[in-house]
Each structure stands twice: as structure tokens, then as C-alpha cells.
Amino acid sequence: MAEALRCRAGGISGLRRFLAEYGEAVEWDIARYWPGRSLLELYRGEMSWRELRVFLRFLPPDSATSRAVRGSTPEEEAWTLDRQLLASVVDAVRENTFATVKLGGDPKKTGRLKPPDPIPRPGVEQKKSNVIRFGGRHGSGAKQLAAVFGRPAANQ
């Protein structure tokens, strides 16, 4: 948040430009983090520009103003650092459980086990299988082969 204010240096005129762009988010954050205060107080003379600058500079990363400055989507914001770490722990436990069962189990029973998929996260693409299937309910595989070799399939 402080970086956004620093990039828009210029004292009161910089704060005015900032408010013109992110005014609604600032208004929301004042109501949330500074109960009893309002952005209107700035224009009534009951709040100084310095108070507003200090308030904005020390807003937490999950504030509406910080999210607006970053331009992040709600899905990205839902994945905070603690949730990312928790998902990593869950993935590690699942992988460890899979490895334990696979290594300690009967090969006849564990032969067809597949490793668990990681928990989907925003900004991380799922790994696509590079297995080309032929016949059966999956079709002939012509489309997949055509994609591998960069040409359209003959039956398209």
C-alpha cells in the first residue's frame, strides 16, 4: 500500500488523484478500520490530509484499497498466504499417504493406484496428461495425435 502512495507522490494533489481512482475502496476501509470516521470528514475539515495519508499508508494487505490498487480478483484474494501453506501441507500429506500405501502395500492391489492431484490454486494450471488414448470410449486419438504433430486430423 505504501508503494502505491509513493509512486503517486505529490502531496495533497497526489492524494486527490488517488481518491479519484480508488475513492470507493478508501471509503469502505475507513468505515471498516476506523469506525466512527468518514471520508466526508476530510472535505468538512474534520480530518487532515496527513491523517488520511497515514491511514492509507498502513492499511493491511487484505484491505479493499490494497486489493483495488493491486487489481486482484476475488478468487486470488481468497487464497491468502496461510491458505496457500495449508493447501501445500494437505498436498504433502496426501502424497506421503500415497507413497506409504504404494510402497508398503500388495503390488497386485496397489498397482493401479494413481498419485493424488494437488488442490487447485488460482494462477496454477493443472497438469495435462500427455497420454494418447486409442479406441474404446475415448475415440481414435486422431485429434490428440494431430495436436502433437501440429496438423489437423484427417477426419476433421
C-alpha atoms as a PDB file:
ATOM      1  CA  MET A   1       0.000   0.000   0.000  1.00  0.00           C
ATOM      2  CA  ALA A   2       2.817   2.370   0.854  1.00  0.00           C
ATOM      3  CA  GLU A   3       4.401   1.704  -2.562  1.00  0.00           C
ATOM      4  CA  ALA A   4       1.219   2.802  -4.338  1.00  0.00           C
ATOM      5  CA  LEU A   5       1.201   6.046  -2.395  1.00  0.00           C
ATOM      6  CA  ARG A   6       4.920   6.580  -3.005  1.00  0.00           C
ATOM      7  CA  CYS A   7       4.500   6.101  -6.769  1.00  0.00           C
ATOM      8  CA  ARG A   8       1.812   8.769  -6.782  1.00  0.00           C
ATOM      9  CA  ALA A   9       3.904  11.319  -4.917  1.00  0.00           C
ATOM     10  CA  GLY A  10       2.685  14.873  -4.933  1.00  0.00           C
ATOM     11  CA  GLY A  11       1.228  15.706  -1.543  1.00  0.00           C
ATOM     12  CA  ILE A  12      -2.411  16.703  -1.481  1.00  0.00           C
ATOM     13  CA  SER A  13      -2.748  16.641  -5.276  1.00  0.00           C
ATOM     14  CA  GLY A  14      -1.390  13.077  -5.290  1.00  0.00           C
ATOM     15  CA  LEU A  15      -3.904  12.058  -2.622  1.00  0.00           C
ATOM     16  CA  ARG A  16      -6.683  13.704  -4.648  1.00  0.00           C
ATOM     17  CA  ARG A  17      -5.701  11.666  -7.715  1.00  0.00           C
ATOM     18  CA  PHE A  18      -5.548   8.552  -5.553  1.00  0.00           C
ATOM     19  CA  LEU A  19      -9.027   9.273  -4.164  1.00  0.00           C
ATOM     20  CA  ALA A  20     -10.382   9.924  -7.654  1.00  0.00           C
ATOM     21  CA  GLU A  21      -9.234   6.460  -8.704  1.00  0.00           C
ATOM     22  CA  TYR A  22      -9.783   4.417  -5.525  1.00  0.00           C
ATOM     23  CA  GLY A  23     -12.228   6.571  -3.524  1.00  0.00           C
ATOM     24  CA  GLU A  24     -14.873   3.888  -3.001  1.00  0.00           C
ATOM     25  CA  ALA A  25     -12.341   1.403  -1.653  1.00  0.00           C
ATOM     26  CA  VAL A  26     -10.868   4.059   0.653  1.00  0.00           C
ATOM     27  CA  GLU A  27     -14.355   4.917   1.887  1.00  0.00           C
ATOM     28  CA  TRP A  28     -15.036   1.244   2.627  1.00  0.00           C
ATOM     29  CA  ASP A  29     -11.752   0.857   4.503  1.00  0.00           C
ATOM     30  CA  ILE A  30     -12.323   3.960   6.626  1.00  0.00           C
ATOM     31  CA  ALA A  31     -15.685   2.547   7.689  1.00  0.00           C
ATOM     32  CA  ARG A  32     -14.125  -0.846   8.413  1.00  0.00           C
ATOM     33  CA  TYR A  33     -10.811   0.065  10.075  1.00  0.00           C
ATOM     34  CA  TRP A  34     -11.652   3.486  11.518  1.00  0.00           C
ATOM     35  CA  PRO A  35     -15.164   3.150  13.000  1.00  0.00           C
ATOM     36  CA  GLY A  36     -16.983   6.395  13.528  1.00  0.00           C
ATOM     37  CA  ARG A  37     -14.973   8.229  10.864  1.00  0.00           C
ATOM     38  CA  SER A  38     -15.962   9.011   7.289  1.00  0.00           C
ATOM     39  CA  LEU A  39     -14.254  10.267   4.160  1.00  0.00           C
ATOM     40  CA  LEU A  40     -16.673  13.186   4.260  1.00  0.00           C
ATOM     41  CA  GLU A  41     -14.797  14.447   7.311  1.00  0.00           C
ATOM     42  CA  LEU A  42     -11.849  15.228   5.043  1.00  0.00           C
ATOM     43  CA  TYR A  43     -13.957  17.603   2.982  1.00  0.00           C
ATOM     44  CA  ARG A  44     -15.616  19.112   6.075  1.00  0.00           C
ATOM     45  CA  GLY A  45     -12.205  19.873   7.541  1.00  0.00           C
ATOM     46  CA  GLU A  46     -12.609  17.423  10.433  1.00  0.00           C
ATOM     47  CA  MET A  47      -9.840  15.138   9.107  1.00  0.00           C
ATOM     48  CA  SER A  48      -6.477  16.359   7.858  1.00  0.00           C
ATOM     49  CA  TRP A  49      -4.832  15.205   4.641  1.00  0.00           C
ATOM     50  CA  ARG A  50      -1.949  13.948   6.759  1.00  0.00           C
ATOM     51  CA  GLU A  51      -4.309  11.722   8.786  1.00  0.00           C
ATOM     52  CA  LEU A  52      -5.662  10.266   5.550  1.00  0.00           C
ATOM     53  CA  ARG A  53      -2.154   9.659   4.175  1.00  0.00           C
ATOM     54  CA  VAL A  54      -1.035   7.904   7.361  1.00  0.00           C
ATOM     55  CA  PHE A  55      -4.221   5.812   7.389  1.00  0.00           C
ATOM     56  CA  LEU A  56      -3.717   4.724   3.768  1.00  0.00           C
ATOM     57  CA  ARG A  57      -0.026   4.031   4.224  1.00  0.00           C
ATOM     58  CA  PHE A  58      -0.583   1.495   6.984  1.00  0.00           C
ATOM     59  CA  LEU A  59      -3.623  -0.361   5.651  1.00  0.00           C
ATOM     60  CA  PRO A  60      -3.281  -4.150   5.829  1.00  0.00           C
ATOM     61  CA  PRO A  61      -2.743  -6.139   2.609  1.00  0.00           C
ATOM     62  CA  ASP A  62      -6.269  -7.565   2.730  1.00  0.00           C
ATOM     63  CA  SER A  63      -7.940  -4.134   2.746  1.00  0.00           C
ATOM     64  CA  ALA A  64     -10.261  -3.096  -0.082  1.00  0.00           C
ATOM     65  CA  THR A  65      -7.899  -0.292  -1.063  1.00  0.00           C
ATOM     66  CA  SER A  66      -4.907  -2.624  -1.288  1.00  0.00           C
ATOM     67  CA  ARG A  67      -6.903  -5.072  -3.399  1.00  0.00           C
ATOM     68  CA  ALA A  68      -8.062  -2.257  -5.691  1.00  0.00           C
ATOM     69  CA  VAL A  69      -4.511  -0.960  -6.148  1.00  0.00           C
ATOM     70  CA  ARG A  70      -3.240  -4.471  -6.974  1.00  0.00           C
ATOM     71  CA  GLY A  71      -6.191  -5.097  -9.276  1.00  0.00           C
ATOM     72  CA  SER A  72      -6.574  -8.617  -7.950  1.00  0.00           C
ATOM     73  CA  THR A  73      -9.594 -10.815  -8.486  1.00  0.00           C
ATOM     74  CA  PRO A  74     -11.711 -12.069  -5.571  1.00  0.00           C
ATOM     75  CA  GLU A  75     -10.534 -15.642  -6.272  1.00  0.00           C
ATOM     76  CA  GLU A  76      -6.897 -14.597  -5.952  1.00  0.00           C
ATOM     77  CA  GLU A  77      -7.653 -12.723  -2.759  1.00  0.00           C
ATOM     78  CA  ALA A  78      -9.334 -15.768  -1.225  1.00  0.00           C
ATOM     79  CA  TRP A  79      -6.005 -17.591  -1.454  1.00  0.00           C
ATOM     80  CA  THR A  80      -4.093 -15.830   1.290  1.00  0.00           C
ATOM     81  CA  LEU A  81      -0.639 -16.981   2.362  1.00  0.00           C
ATOM     82  CA  ASP A  82      -1.992 -19.124   5.194  1.00  0.00           C
ATOM     83  CA  ARG A  83      -4.428 -20.859   2.814  1.00  0.00           C
ATOM     84  CA  GLN A  84      -1.641 -21.476   0.293  1.00  0.00           C
ATOM     85  CA  LEU A  85       0.508 -23.011   3.023  1.00  0.00           C
ATOM     86  CA  LEU A  86      -2.384 -25.110   4.317  1.00  0.00           C
ATOM     87  CA  ALA A  87      -3.064 -26.427   0.805  1.00  0.00           C
ATOM     88  CA  SER A  88       0.646 -27.298   0.484  1.00  0.00           C
ATOM     89  CA  VAL A  89       0.506 -29.218   3.770  1.00  0.00           C
ATOM     90  CA  VAL A  90      -2.603 -31.120   2.652  1.00  0.00           C
ATOM     91  CA  ASP A  91      -0.951 -31.961  -0.685  1.00  0.00           C
ATOM     92  CA  ALA A  92       2.178 -33.192   1.113  1.00  0.00           C
ATOM     93  CA  VAL A  93       0.139 -35.386   3.476  1.00  0.00           C
ATOM     94  CA  ARG A  94      -1.807 -36.870   0.563  1.00  0.00           C
ATOM     95  CA  GLU A  95       1.398 -37.566  -1.395  1.00  0.00           C
ATOM     96  CA  ASN A  96       3.006 -39.130   1.681  1.00  0.00           C
ATOM     97  CA  THR A  97      -0.052 -41.320   2.253  1.00  0.00           C
ATOM     98  CA  PHE A  98       0.029 -42.409  -1.386  1.00  0.00           C
ATOM     99  CA  ALA A  99       3.735 -43.251  -1.216  1.00  0.00           C
ATOM    100  CA  THR A 100       3.268 -45.199   2.047  1.00  0.00           C
ATOM    101  CA  VAL A 101       0.397 -47.253   0.638  1.00  0.00           C
ATOM    102  CA  LYS A 102       2.189 -47.808  -2.677  1.00  0.00           C
ATOM    103  CA  LEU A 103       5.477 -48.894  -1.103  1.00  0.00           C
ATOM    104  CA  GLY A 104       4.046 -50.921   1.766  1.00  0.00           C
ATOM    105  CA  GLY A 105       1.028 -52.423   0.072  1.00  0.00           C
ATOM    106  CA  ASP A 106       0.472 -55.517  -2.021  1.00  0.00           C
ATOM    107  CA  PRO A 107       1.673 -54.790  -5.601  1.00  0.00           C
ATOM    108  CA  LYS A 108      -1.396 -56.575  -7.019  1.00  0.00           C
ATOM    109  CA  LYS A 109      -3.747 -54.264  -5.109  1.00  0.00           C
ATOM    110  CA  THR A 110      -1.759 -51.031  -5.393  1.00  0.00           C
ATOM    111  CA  GLY A 111      -0.617 -51.420  -8.998  1.00  0.00           C
ATOM    112  CA  ARG A 112      -3.421 -49.293 -10.432  1.00  0.00           C
ATOM    113  CA  LEU A 113      -3.285 -46.555  -7.793  1.00  0.00           C
ATOM    114  CA  LYS A 114      -2.622 -43.099  -9.171  1.00  0.00           C
ATOM    115  CA  PRO A 115      -0.948 -40.292  -7.233  1.00  0.00           C
ATOM    116  CA  PRO A 116      -3.374 -37.698  -5.843  1.00  0.00           C
ATOM    117  CA  ASP A 117      -3.948 -34.474  -7.739  1.00  0.00           C
ATOM    118  CA  PRO A 118      -2.895 -31.330  -5.897  1.00  0.00           C
ATOM    119  CA  ILE A 119      -5.540 -28.937  -4.627  1.00  0.00           C
ATOM    120  CA  PRO A 120      -6.316 -26.479  -7.448  1.00  0.00           C
ATOM    121  CA  ARG A 121      -4.927 -22.996  -6.840  1.00  0.00           C
ATOM    122  CA  PRO A 122      -5.544 -19.764  -8.748  1.00  0.00           C
ATOM    123  CA  GLY A 123      -2.836 -18.942 -11.252  1.00  0.00           C
ATOM    124  CA  VAL A 124      -1.523 -22.519 -11.355  1.00  0.00           C
ATOM    125  CA  GLU A 125      -2.537 -24.617 -14.338  1.00  0.00           C
ATOM    126  CA  GLN A 126      -3.445 -28.246 -13.874  1.00  0.00           C
ATOM    127  CA  LYS A 127      -1.004 -30.651 -15.496  1.00  0.00           C
ATOM    128  CA  LYS A 128      -2.454 -32.064 -18.675  1.00  0.00           C
ATOM    129  CA  SER A 129      -1.976 -35.717 -19.366  1.00  0.00           C
ATOM    130  CA  ASN A 130       0.290 -36.488 -22.292  1.00  0.00           C
ATOM    131  CA  VAL A 131      -1.237 -39.959 -22.684  1.00  0.00           C
ATOM    132  CA  ILE A 132      -2.905 -40.511 -26.056  1.00  0.00           C
ATOM    133  CA  ARG A 133      -5.751 -42.979 -25.802  1.00  0.00           C
ATOM    134  CA  PHE A 134      -6.879 -45.111 -28.731  1.00  0.00           C
ATOM    135  CA  GLY A 135     -10.221 -46.781 -29.301  1.00  0.00           C
ATOM    136  CA  GLY A 136     -12.869 -47.509 -26.740  1.00  0.00           C
ATOM    137  CA  ARG A 137     -14.916 -44.723 -25.282  1.00  0.00           C
ATOM    138  CA  HIS A 138     -12.087 -42.211 -25.765  1.00  0.00           C
ATOM    139  CA  GLY A 139     -12.253 -42.244 -29.582  1.00  0.00           C
ATOM    140  CA  SER A 140      -9.485 -42.988 -32.027  1.00  0.00           C
ATOM    141  CA  GLY A 141      -6.993 -40.478 -30.647  1.00  0.00           C
ATOM    142  CA  ALA A 142      -6.652 -38.782 -34.047  1.00  0.00           C
ATOM    143  CA  LYS A 143      -7.332 -35.338 -32.609  1.00  0.00           C
ATOM    144  CA  GLN A 144      -4.718 -35.818 -29.898  1.00  0.00           C
ATOM    145  CA  LEU A 145      -2.130 -37.055 -32.401  1.00  0.00           C
ATOM    146  CA  ALA A 146      -2.909 -34.161 -34.729  1.00  0.00           C
ATOM    147  CA  ALA A 147      -2.343 -31.727 -31.859  1.00  0.00           C
ATOM    148  CA  VAL A 148       1.014 -33.363 -31.084  1.00  0.00           C
ATOM    149  CA  PHE A 149       2.205 -33.121 -34.682  1.00  0.00           C
ATOM    150  CA  GLY A 150       0.637 -29.714 -35.343  1.00  0.00           C
ATOM    151  CA  ARG A 151      -1.700 -30.721 -38.184  1.00  0.00           C
ATOM    152  CA  PRO A 152      -5.472 -31.106 -38.335  1.00  0.00           C
ATOM    153  CA  ALA A 153      -6.823 -34.629 -38.079  1.00  0.00           C
ATOM    154  CA  ALA A 154      -7.861 -36.275 -41.353  1.00  0.00           C
ATOM    155  CA  ASN A 155     -11.437 -36.783 -40.195  1.00  0.00           C
ATOM    156  CA  GLN A 156     -11.968 -33.127 -39.221  1.00  0.00           C
END
